[in-house]
C-alpha atoms as a PDB file:
ATOM      1  CA  UNK A   1     -53.586 -15.357  15.245  1.00  0.00           C
ATOM      2  CA  UNK A   2     -52.943 -11.699  14.538  1.00  0.00           C
ATOM      3  CA  UNK A   3     -52.164 -11.041  18.169  1.00  0.00           C
ATOM      4  CA  UNK A   4     -49.632 -13.903  18.283  1.00  0.00           C
ATOM      5  CA  UNK A   5     -47.960 -12.635  15.106  1.00  0.00           C
ATOM      6  CA  UNK A   6     -47.539  -9.169  16.617  1.00  0.00           C
ATOM      7  CA  UNK A   7     -45.886 -10.680  19.688  1.00  0.00           C
ATOM      8  CA  UNK A   8     -43.407 -12.653  17.573  1.00  0.00           C
ATOM      9  CA  UNK A   9     -42.535  -9.610  15.446  1.00  0.00           C
ATOM     10  CA  UNK A  10     -42.048  -7.548  18.581  1.00  0.00           C
ATOM     11  CA  UNK A  11     -39.691 -10.119  20.088  1.00  0.00           C
ATOM     12  CA  UNK A  12     -37.699 -10.319  16.877  1.00  0.00           C
ATOM     13  CA  UNK A  13     -37.282  -6.515  16.821  1.00  0.00           C
ATOM     14  CA  UNK A  14     -36.242  -6.558  20.464  1.00  0.00           C
ATOM     15  CA  UNK A  15     -33.471  -9.090  19.882  1.00  0.00           C
ATOM     16  CA  UNK A  16     -32.188  -7.329  16.742  1.00  0.00           C
ATOM     17  CA  UNK A  17     -32.183  -3.868  18.304  1.00  0.00           C
ATOM     18  CA  UNK A  18     -30.875  -5.169  21.594  1.00  0.00           C
ATOM     19  CA  UNK A  19     -27.673  -6.674  20.190  1.00  0.00           C
ATOM     20  CA  UNK A  20     -24.578  -5.311  21.951  1.00  0.00           C
ATOM     21  CA  UNK A  21     -22.752  -2.581  20.023  1.00  0.00           C
ATOM     22  CA  UNK A  22     -19.390  -4.388  20.059  1.00  0.00           C
ATOM     23  CA  UNK A  23     -20.745  -7.397  18.160  1.00  0.00           C
ATOM     24  CA  UNK A  24     -20.743  -5.513  14.839  1.00  0.00           C
ATOM     25  CA  UNK A  25     -17.781  -3.171  14.188  1.00  0.00           C
ATOM     26  CA  UNK A  26     -18.905  -0.057  12.366  1.00  0.00           C
ATOM     27  CA  UNK A  27     -18.515  -0.229   8.602  1.00  0.00           C
ATOM     28  CA  UNK A  28     -17.968   3.542   8.677  1.00  0.00           C
ATOM     29  CA  UNK A  29     -14.890   3.389  10.898  1.00  0.00           C
ATOM     30  CA  UNK A  30     -12.571   4.652   8.173  1.00  0.00           C
ATOM     31  CA  UNK A  31      -9.155   6.168   8.762  1.00  0.00           C
ATOM     32  CA  UNK A  32      -6.417   7.559   6.520  1.00  0.00           C
ATOM     33  CA  UNK A  33      -2.997   6.084   7.284  1.00  0.00           C
ATOM     34  CA  UNK A  34       0.215   7.686   6.028  1.00  0.00           C
ATOM     35  CA  UNK A  35       2.733   5.075   4.939  1.00  0.00           C
ATOM     36  CA  UNK A  36       5.506   7.415   3.716  1.00  0.00           C
ATOM     37  CA  UNK A  37       5.637  11.150   3.016  1.00  0.00           C
ATOM     38  CA  UNK A  38       9.222  10.814   1.654  1.00  0.00           C
ATOM     39  CA  UNK A  39      10.285  13.831   3.732  1.00  0.00           C
ATOM     40  CA  UNK A  40      12.161  11.881   6.421  1.00  0.00           C
ATOM     41  CA  UNK A  41      14.495   9.520   4.610  1.00  0.00           C
ATOM     42  CA  UNK A  42      14.559   6.124   6.330  1.00  0.00           C
ATOM     43  CA  UNK A  43      12.551   7.390   9.320  1.00  0.00           C
ATOM     44  CA  UNK A  44       8.915   6.721   8.505  1.00  0.00           C
ATOM     45  CA  UNK A  45       7.997   5.467  12.026  1.00  0.00           C
ATOM     46  CA  UNK A  46       5.080   3.573  10.486  1.00  0.00           C
ATOM     47  CA  UNK A  47       2.973   2.148  13.313  1.00  0.00           C
ATOM     48  CA  UNK A  48       1.649  -1.414  13.072  1.00  0.00           C
ATOM     49  CA  UNK A  49       0.557  -3.707  15.923  1.00  0.00           C
ATOM     50  CA  UNK A  50       2.128  -1.445  18.525  1.00  0.00           C
ATOM     51  CA  UNK A  51       5.554  -1.273  16.839  1.00  0.00           C
ATOM     52  CA  UNK A  52       7.143   1.393  14.655  1.00  0.00           C
ATOM     53  CA  UNK A  53       8.827   0.446  11.376  1.00  0.00           C
ATOM     54  CA  UNK A  54      11.143   2.412   9.099  1.00  0.00           C
ATOM     55  CA  UNK A  55      12.731   1.476   5.800  1.00  0.00           C
ATOM     56  CA  UNK A  56      14.582   2.760   2.749  1.00  0.00           C
ATOM     57  CA  UNK A  57      13.670   2.507  -0.934  1.00  0.00           C
ATOM     58  CA  UNK A  58      15.490   0.646  -3.693  1.00  0.00           C
ATOM     59  CA  UNK A  59      15.064   0.060  -7.421  1.00  0.00           C
ATOM     60  CA  UNK A  60      15.787  -2.762  -9.857  1.00  0.00           C
ATOM     61  CA  UNK A  61      15.403  -2.834 -13.646  1.00  0.00           C
ATOM     62  CA  UNK A  62      15.081  -5.320 -16.499  1.00  0.00           C
ATOM     63  CA  UNK A  63      18.157  -6.643 -18.297  1.00  0.00           C
ATOM     64  CA  UNK A  64      18.539  -4.038 -21.071  1.00  0.00           C
ATOM     65  CA  UNK A  65      19.056  -1.166 -18.618  1.00  0.00           C
ATOM     66  CA  UNK A  66      22.036   1.069 -19.499  1.00  0.00           C
ATOM     67  CA  UNK A  67      25.213   1.088 -17.415  1.00  0.00           C
ATOM     68  CA  UNK A  68      24.932   3.206 -14.291  1.00  0.00           C
ATOM     69  CA  UNK A  69      21.126   2.999 -14.179  1.00  0.00           C
ATOM     70  CA  UNK A  70      18.647   2.961 -12.560  1.00  0.00           C
ATOM     71  CA  UNK A  71      19.315   5.885 -10.223  1.00  0.00           C
ATOM     72  CA  UNK A  72      17.294   6.611  -7.084  1.00  0.00           C
ATOM     73  CA  UNK A  73      17.506   9.875  -5.111  1.00  0.00           C
ATOM     74  CA  UNK A  74      15.463  12.194  -2.894  1.00  0.00           C
ATOM     75  CA  UNK A  75      14.766  15.696  -4.166  1.00  0.00           C
ATOM     76  CA  UNK A  76      13.327  18.882  -2.716  1.00  0.00           C
ATOM     77  CA  UNK A  77      10.013  19.673  -4.342  1.00  0.00           C
ATOM     78  CA  UNK A  78       6.374  18.586  -4.066  1.00  0.00           C
ATOM     79  CA  UNK A  79       3.103  19.270  -5.862  1.00  0.00           C
ATOM     80  CA  UNK A  80       1.455  22.670  -5.395  1.00  0.00           C
ATOM     81  CA  UNK A  81      -1.535  21.025  -3.709  1.00  0.00           C
ATOM     82  CA  UNK A  82       0.625  19.337  -1.070  1.00  0.00           C
ATOM     83  CA  UNK A  83       2.610  22.548  -0.606  1.00  0.00           C
ATOM     84  CA  UNK A  84      -0.581  24.347   0.398  1.00  0.00           C
ATOM     85  CA  UNK A  85      -1.585  21.595   2.846  1.00  0.00           C
ATOM     86  CA  UNK A  86       1.881  21.536   4.453  1.00  0.00           C
ATOM     87  CA  UNK A  87       2.334  25.293   4.611  1.00  0.00           C
ATOM     88  CA  UNK A  88       3.743  26.352   7.973  1.00  0.00           C
ATOM     89  CA  UNK A  89       4.964  22.849   8.901  1.00  0.00           C
ATOM     90  CA  UNK A  90       8.598  22.369   9.906  1.00  0.00           C
ATOM     91  CA  UNK A  91      11.120  20.415   7.843  1.00  0.00           C
ATOM     92  CA  UNK A  92      12.013  20.038   4.172  1.00  0.00           C
ATOM     93  CA  UNK A  93       9.539  18.808   1.596  1.00  0.00           C
ATOM     94  CA  UNK A  94      11.035  15.950  -0.385  1.00  0.00           C
ATOM     95  CA  UNK A  95       9.939  13.425  -2.980  1.00  0.00           C
ATOM     96  CA  UNK A  96      11.465  10.184  -4.266  1.00  0.00           C
ATOM     97  CA  UNK A  97      12.859  10.216  -7.797  1.00  0.00           C
ATOM     98  CA  UNK A  98      14.048   7.455 -10.127  1.00  0.00           C
ATOM     99  CA  UNK A  99      15.871   7.845 -13.456  1.00  0.00           C
ATOM    100  CA  UNK A 100      16.349   5.012 -15.949  1.00  0.00           C
ATOM    101  CA  UNK A 101      17.869   4.526 -19.379  1.00  0.00           C
ATOM    102  CA  UNK A 102      17.717   1.429 -21.594  1.00  0.00           C
ATOM    103  CA  UNK A 103      19.848   0.247 -24.479  1.00  0.00           C
ATOM    104  CA  UNK A 104      16.879  -0.619 -26.699  1.00  0.00           C
ATOM    105  CA  UNK A 105      13.135  -0.228 -27.007  1.00  0.00           C
ATOM    106  CA  UNK A 106      10.860  -3.071 -25.981  1.00  0.00           C
ATOM    107  CA  UNK A 107       9.194  -4.473 -22.873  1.00  0.00           C
ATOM    108  CA  UNK A 108      11.400  -2.626 -20.391  1.00  0.00           C
ATOM    109  CA  UNK A 109      10.436  -2.273 -16.752  1.00  0.00           C
ATOM    110  CA  UNK A 110      11.744  -1.250 -13.350  1.00  0.00           C
ATOM    111  CA  UNK A 111      10.455  -1.714  -9.797  1.00  0.00           C
ATOM    112  CA  UNK A 112      10.606   0.619  -6.787  1.00  0.00           C
ATOM    113  CA  UNK A 113      10.238  -1.104  -3.429  1.00  0.00           C
ATOM    114  CA  UNK A 114      10.994  -0.787   0.320  1.00  0.00           C
ATOM    115  CA  UNK A 115      14.091  -2.422   1.831  1.00  0.00           C
ATOM    116  CA  UNK A 116      15.290  -2.854   5.399  1.00  0.00           C
ATOM    117  CA  UNK A 117      18.745  -4.071   6.455  1.00  0.00           C
ATOM    118  CA  UNK A 118      19.548  -4.911   2.846  1.00  0.00           C
ATOM    119  CA  UNK A 119      16.442  -7.102   2.360  1.00  0.00           C
ATOM    120  CA  UNK A 120      13.092  -6.555   0.710  1.00  0.00           C
ATOM    121  CA  UNK A 121      10.641  -5.199   3.271  1.00  0.00           C
ATOM    122  CA  UNK A 122       6.850  -5.261   2.963  1.00  0.00           C
ATOM    123  CA  UNK A 123       4.933  -2.843   5.229  1.00  0.00           C
ATOM    124  CA  UNK A 124       1.750  -4.449   6.550  1.00  0.00           C
ATOM    125  CA  UNK A 125      -1.556  -2.684   5.887  1.00  0.00           C
ATOM    126  CA  UNK A 126      -3.798  -1.928   8.859  1.00  0.00           C
ATOM    127  CA  UNK A 127      -7.440  -3.013   8.829  1.00  0.00           C
ATOM    128  CA  UNK A 128      -9.308  -3.629   5.578  1.00  0.00           C
ATOM    129  CA  UNK A 129      -7.968  -1.277   2.912  1.00  0.00           C
ATOM    130  CA  UNK A 130     -10.379   0.454   0.544  1.00  0.00           C
ATOM    131  CA  UNK A 131      -8.008   2.615  -1.482  1.00  0.00           C
ATOM    132  CA  UNK A 132      -4.313   3.428  -1.764  1.00  0.00           C
ATOM    133  CA  UNK A 133      -3.417   6.895  -2.993  1.00  0.00           C
ATOM    134  CA  UNK A 134      -0.217   8.756  -3.732  1.00  0.00           C
ATOM    135  CA  UNK A 135       1.225  11.505  -5.896  1.00  0.00           C
ATOM    136  CA  UNK A 136       3.202  10.636  -9.004  1.00  0.00           C
ATOM    137  CA  UNK A 137       5.102  12.880 -11.419  1.00  0.00           C
ATOM    138  CA  UNK A 138       4.769  11.908 -15.076  1.00  0.00           C
ATOM    139  CA  UNK A 139       7.135  12.868 -17.885  1.00  0.00           C
ATOM    140  CA  UNK A 140       4.397  12.531 -20.547  1.00  0.00           C
ATOM    141  CA  UNK A 141       5.901   9.324 -21.935  1.00  0.00           C
ATOM    142  CA  UNK A 142       3.915   6.200 -22.820  1.00  0.00           C
ATOM    143  CA  UNK A 143       4.853   4.292 -19.684  1.00  0.00           C
ATOM    144  CA  UNK A 144       2.460   2.368 -17.432  1.00  0.00           C
ATOM    145  CA  UNK A 145       2.306   2.161 -13.655  1.00  0.00           C
ATOM    146  CA  UNK A 146       1.387  -0.909 -11.587  1.00  0.00           C
ATOM    147  CA  UNK A 147       1.177  -1.442  -7.834  1.00  0.00           C
ATOM    148  CA  UNK A 148       2.157  -4.771  -6.257  1.00  0.00           C
ATOM    149  CA  UNK A 149       0.561  -6.094  -3.068  1.00  0.00           C
ATOM    150  CA  UNK A 150       0.810  -9.479  -1.353  1.00  0.00           C
ATOM    151  CA  UNK A 151      -2.443 -10.917  -0.058  1.00  0.00           C
ATOM    152  CA  UNK A 152      -2.820 -12.648   3.318  1.00  0.00           C
ATOM    153  CA  UNK A 153      -2.286 -16.034   1.639  1.00  0.00           C
ATOM    154  CA  UNK A 154       1.151 -15.019   0.327  1.00  0.00           C
ATOM    155  CA  UNK A 155       0.262 -14.395  -3.330  1.00  0.00           C
ATOM    156  CA  UNK A 156       1.522 -11.248  -5.072  1.00  0.00           C
ATOM    157  CA  UNK A 157      -1.097  -9.365  -7.105  1.00  0.00           C
ATOM    158  CA  UNK A 158      -0.382  -6.758  -9.777  1.00  0.00           C
ATOM    159  CA  UNK A 159      -2.933  -3.927  -9.670  1.00  0.00           C
ATOM    160  CA  UNK A 160      -3.079  -1.786 -12.813  1.00  0.00           C
ATOM    161  CA  UNK A 161      -2.793   1.903 -11.943  1.00  0.00           C
ATOM    162  CA  UNK A 162      -2.796   3.435 -15.421  1.00  0.00           C
ATOM    163  CA  UNK A 163      -0.865   5.408 -18.002  1.00  0.00           C
ATOM    164  CA  UNK A 164       1.904   7.846 -17.080  1.00  0.00           C
ATOM    165  CA  UNK A 165       1.397   9.855 -20.278  1.00  0.00           C
ATOM    166  CA  UNK A 166       0.862  13.150 -18.463  1.00  0.00           C
ATOM    167  CA  UNK A 167       3.130  16.018 -17.467  1.00  0.00           C
ATOM    168  CA  UNK A 168       3.829  16.936 -13.854  1.00  0.00           C
ATOM    169  CA  UNK A 169       2.177  15.883 -10.606  1.00  0.00           C
ATOM    170  CA  UNK A 170      -1.024  13.865 -10.420  1.00  0.00           C
ATOM    171  CA  UNK A 171      -2.862  12.379  -7.441  1.00  0.00           C
ATOM    172  CA  UNK A 172      -3.570   8.700  -8.117  1.00  0.00           C
ATOM    173  CA  UNK A 173      -6.152   6.614  -6.243  1.00  0.00           C
ATOM    174  CA  UNK A 174      -6.043   2.805  -6.522  1.00  0.00           C
ATOM    175  CA  UNK A 175      -9.129   0.873  -5.394  1.00  0.00           C
ATOM    176  CA  UNK A 176      -8.399  -2.461  -3.703  1.00  0.00           C
ATOM    177  CA  UNK A 177     -10.698  -5.140  -5.223  1.00  0.00           C
ATOM    178  CA  UNK A 178     -13.091  -6.843  -2.843  1.00  0.00           C
ATOM    179  CA  UNK A 179     -12.027 -10.348  -3.913  1.00  0.00           C
ATOM    180  CA  UNK A 180      -8.440  -9.805  -2.713  1.00  0.00           C
ATOM    181  CA  UNK A 181      -7.841 -11.645   0.584  1.00  0.00           C
ATOM    182  CA  UNK A 182      -6.637  -9.050   3.114  1.00  0.00           C
ATOM    183  CA  UNK A 183      -6.820 -11.139   6.311  1.00  0.00           C
ATOM    184  CA  UNK A 184      -5.752 -14.697   7.079  1.00  0.00           C
ATOM    185  CA  UNK A 185      -7.321 -17.017   9.626  1.00  0.00           C
ATOM    186  CA  UNK A 186      -4.021 -18.925   9.941  1.00  0.00           C
ATOM    187  CA  UNK A 187      -1.967 -18.286  13.066  1.00  0.00           C
ATOM    188  CA  UNK A 188       1.300 -18.714  11.128  1.00  0.00           C
ATOM    189  CA  UNK A 189       2.463 -16.536   8.246  1.00  0.00           C
ATOM    190  CA  UNK A 190       1.404 -13.000   7.267  1.00  0.00           C
ATOM    191  CA  UNK A 191      -1.800 -11.932   9.067  1.00  0.00           C
ATOM    192  CA  UNK A 192      -2.723  -9.140   6.632  1.00  0.00           C
ATOM    193  CA  UNK A 193      -2.094  -7.814   3.152  1.00  0.00           C
ATOM    194  CA  UNK A 194       1.298  -6.152   2.591  1.00  0.00           C
ATOM    195  CA  UNK A 195       2.677  -3.505   0.232  1.00  0.00           C
ATOM    196  CA  UNK A 196       5.330  -4.901  -2.153  1.00  0.00           C
ATOM    197  CA  UNK A 197       6.177  -1.945  -4.389  1.00  0.00           C
ATOM    198  CA  UNK A 198       5.613  -0.168  -7.717  1.00  0.00           C
ATOM    199  CA  UNK A 199       6.371  -1.448 -11.208  1.00  0.00           C
ATOM    200  CA  UNK A 200       6.755   0.849 -14.230  1.00  0.00           C
ATOM    201  CA  UNK A 201       6.694  -0.528 -17.784  1.00  0.00           C
ATOM    202  CA  UNK A 202       7.577   1.212 -21.043  1.00  0.00           C
ATOM    203  CA  UNK A 203       5.442   1.000 -24.144  1.00  0.00           C
ATOM    204  CA  UNK A 204       7.229  -1.118 -26.748  1.00  0.00           C
ATOM    205  CA  UNK A 205       7.543   1.821 -29.150  1.00  0.00           C
ATOM    206  CA  UNK A 206       8.330   4.583 -26.659  1.00  0.00           C
ATOM    207  CA  UNK A 207      11.715   6.284 -26.237  1.00  0.00           C
ATOM    208  CA  UNK A 208      13.749   4.713 -23.432  1.00  0.00           C
ATOM    209  CA  UNK A 209      17.091   6.547 -23.438  1.00  0.00           C
ATOM    210  CA  UNK A 210      16.143   8.934 -20.592  1.00  0.00           C
ATOM    211  CA  UNK A 211      13.115   8.555 -18.332  1.00  0.00           C
ATOM    212  CA  UNK A 212      12.342   9.911 -14.854  1.00  0.00           C
ATOM    213  CA  UNK A 213       9.508   9.502 -12.352  1.00  0.00           C
ATOM    214  CA  UNK A 214       8.833  10.883  -8.857  1.00  0.00           C
ATOM    215  CA  UNK A 215       6.649   9.673  -5.971  1.00  0.00           C
ATOM    216  CA  UNK A 216       5.240  11.470  -2.946  1.00  0.00           C
ATOM    217  CA  UNK A 217       2.738  11.117  -0.059  1.00  0.00           C
ATOM    218  CA  UNK A 218       1.921   7.394  -0.059  1.00  0.00           C
ATOM    219  CA  UNK A 219      -1.145   6.689   2.115  1.00  0.00           C
ATOM    220  CA  UNK A 220      -4.321   4.588   2.249  1.00  0.00           C
ATOM    221  CA  UNK A 221      -7.879   4.602   3.585  1.00  0.00           C
ATOM    222  CA  UNK A 222      -8.905   1.629   5.702  1.00  0.00           C
ATOM    223  CA  UNK A 223     -11.633   0.277   7.964  1.00  0.00           C
ATOM    224  CA  UNK A 224      -9.504  -0.088  11.081  1.00  0.00           C
ATOM    225  CA  UNK A 225     -12.119  -2.075  13.030  1.00  0.00           C
ATOM    226  CA  UNK A 226     -13.040  -4.562  10.304  1.00  0.00           C
ATOM    227  CA  UNK A 227     -10.793  -7.340  11.634  1.00  0.00           C
ATOM    228  CA  UNK A 228     -11.161  -6.581  15.361  1.00  0.00           C
ATOM    229  CA  UNK A 229     -13.360  -8.906  17.433  1.00  0.00           C
ATOM    230  CA  UNK A 230     -14.229  -9.427  21.082  1.00  0.00           C
ATOM    231  CA  UNK A 231     -11.201 -11.175  22.617  1.00  0.00           C
ATOM    232  CA  UNK A 232      -8.759  -9.994  19.916  1.00  0.00           C
ATOM    233  CA  UNK A 233      -5.994  -9.551  22.522  1.00  0.00           C
ATOM    234  CA  UNK A 234      -5.903 -13.308  23.195  1.00  0.00           C
ATOM    235  CA  UNK A 235      -4.930 -14.304  19.666  1.00  0.00           C
ATOM    236  CA  UNK A 236      -1.161 -14.404  20.368  1.00  0.00           C
ATOM    237  CA  UNK A 237      -0.910 -15.246  24.069  1.00  0.00           C
ATOM    238  CA  UNK A 238       0.508 -18.713  23.247  1.00  0.00           C
ATOM    239  CA  UNK A 239       2.895 -17.348  20.617  1.00  0.00           C
ATOM    240  CA  UNK A 240       3.337 -18.832  17.149  1.00  0.00           C
ATOM    241  CA  UNK A 241       4.620 -22.267  16.187  1.00  0.00           C
ATOM    242  CA  UNK A 242       6.731 -20.669  13.440  1.00  0.00           C
ATOM    243  CA  UNK A 243       9.348 -17.929  13.402  1.00  0.00           C
ATOM    244  CA  UNK A 244       7.966 -16.274  10.262  1.00  0.00           C
ATOM    245  CA  UNK A 245       7.845 -12.473  10.152  1.00  0.00           C
ATOM    246  CA  UNK A 246       4.899 -11.017   8.290  1.00  0.00           C
ATOM    247  CA  UNK A 247       7.046  -8.156   6.979  1.00  0.00           C
ATOM    248  CA  UNK A 248       9.844 -10.339   5.554  1.00  0.00           C
ATOM    249  CA  UNK A 249      10.077 -11.085   1.862  1.00  0.00           C
ATOM    250  CA  UNK A 250       8.862 -14.558   0.911  1.00  0.00           C
ATOM    251  CA  UNK A 251       8.869 -16.395  -2.376  1.00  0.00           C
ATOM    252  CA  UNK A 252       6.649 -14.798  -4.991  1.00  0.00           C
ATOM    253  CA  UNK A 253       3.359 -16.629  -5.234  1.00  0.00           C
ATOM    254  CA  UNK A 254       2.469 -15.675  -8.792  1.00  0.00           C
END
């Protein structure tokens, strides 16, 4: 009996150890992907599925925004930490800035988001994203930052980033919750999670006559092999039965 048990255990170990390496993509295959450094305006050359994408940024605000606002511009200037990392590199160092002013206090908000050819554009995340991080400049006002992503089923989720009640540059890291669906098994529609934009809200009692915020170095960490399987190249050989583009804006699913 003992001898037979040893044989069975040995066979089990053989089959487990002998599995081909490609059957289980490494959980440690992490990469950092730069989505936008805000240095090259409208020329991000973001690579996804063998194609390069570029876009611009736009802003919209709630109804009590003052005339002539919000304003969106690029400015020279980055955080000291990024300046050290980019020392010796060619080109200007820019960041994206937004200024708003409202006619009254209350639940005021504005959103900053990518656009392409005059339409909302949602860059598609590669792999399974663990964290999204970026630099944000706070004016030490009681405002709150949120990040919007669209899951692979088409639903927009609002991820709380935190308070903007600090002065100057701060590196922010947003963890993507495990329950959020990042990949779809459907052959039509968006295949992966997409980035929708940022939303900034004012505290109901905070001053709103003059507020500014800046963004820089938007990137994310991802397991690039998490959704790759043996035969992945065959998934689109027949084409799709729909003409939907995963990067186009669709109706909000909230």
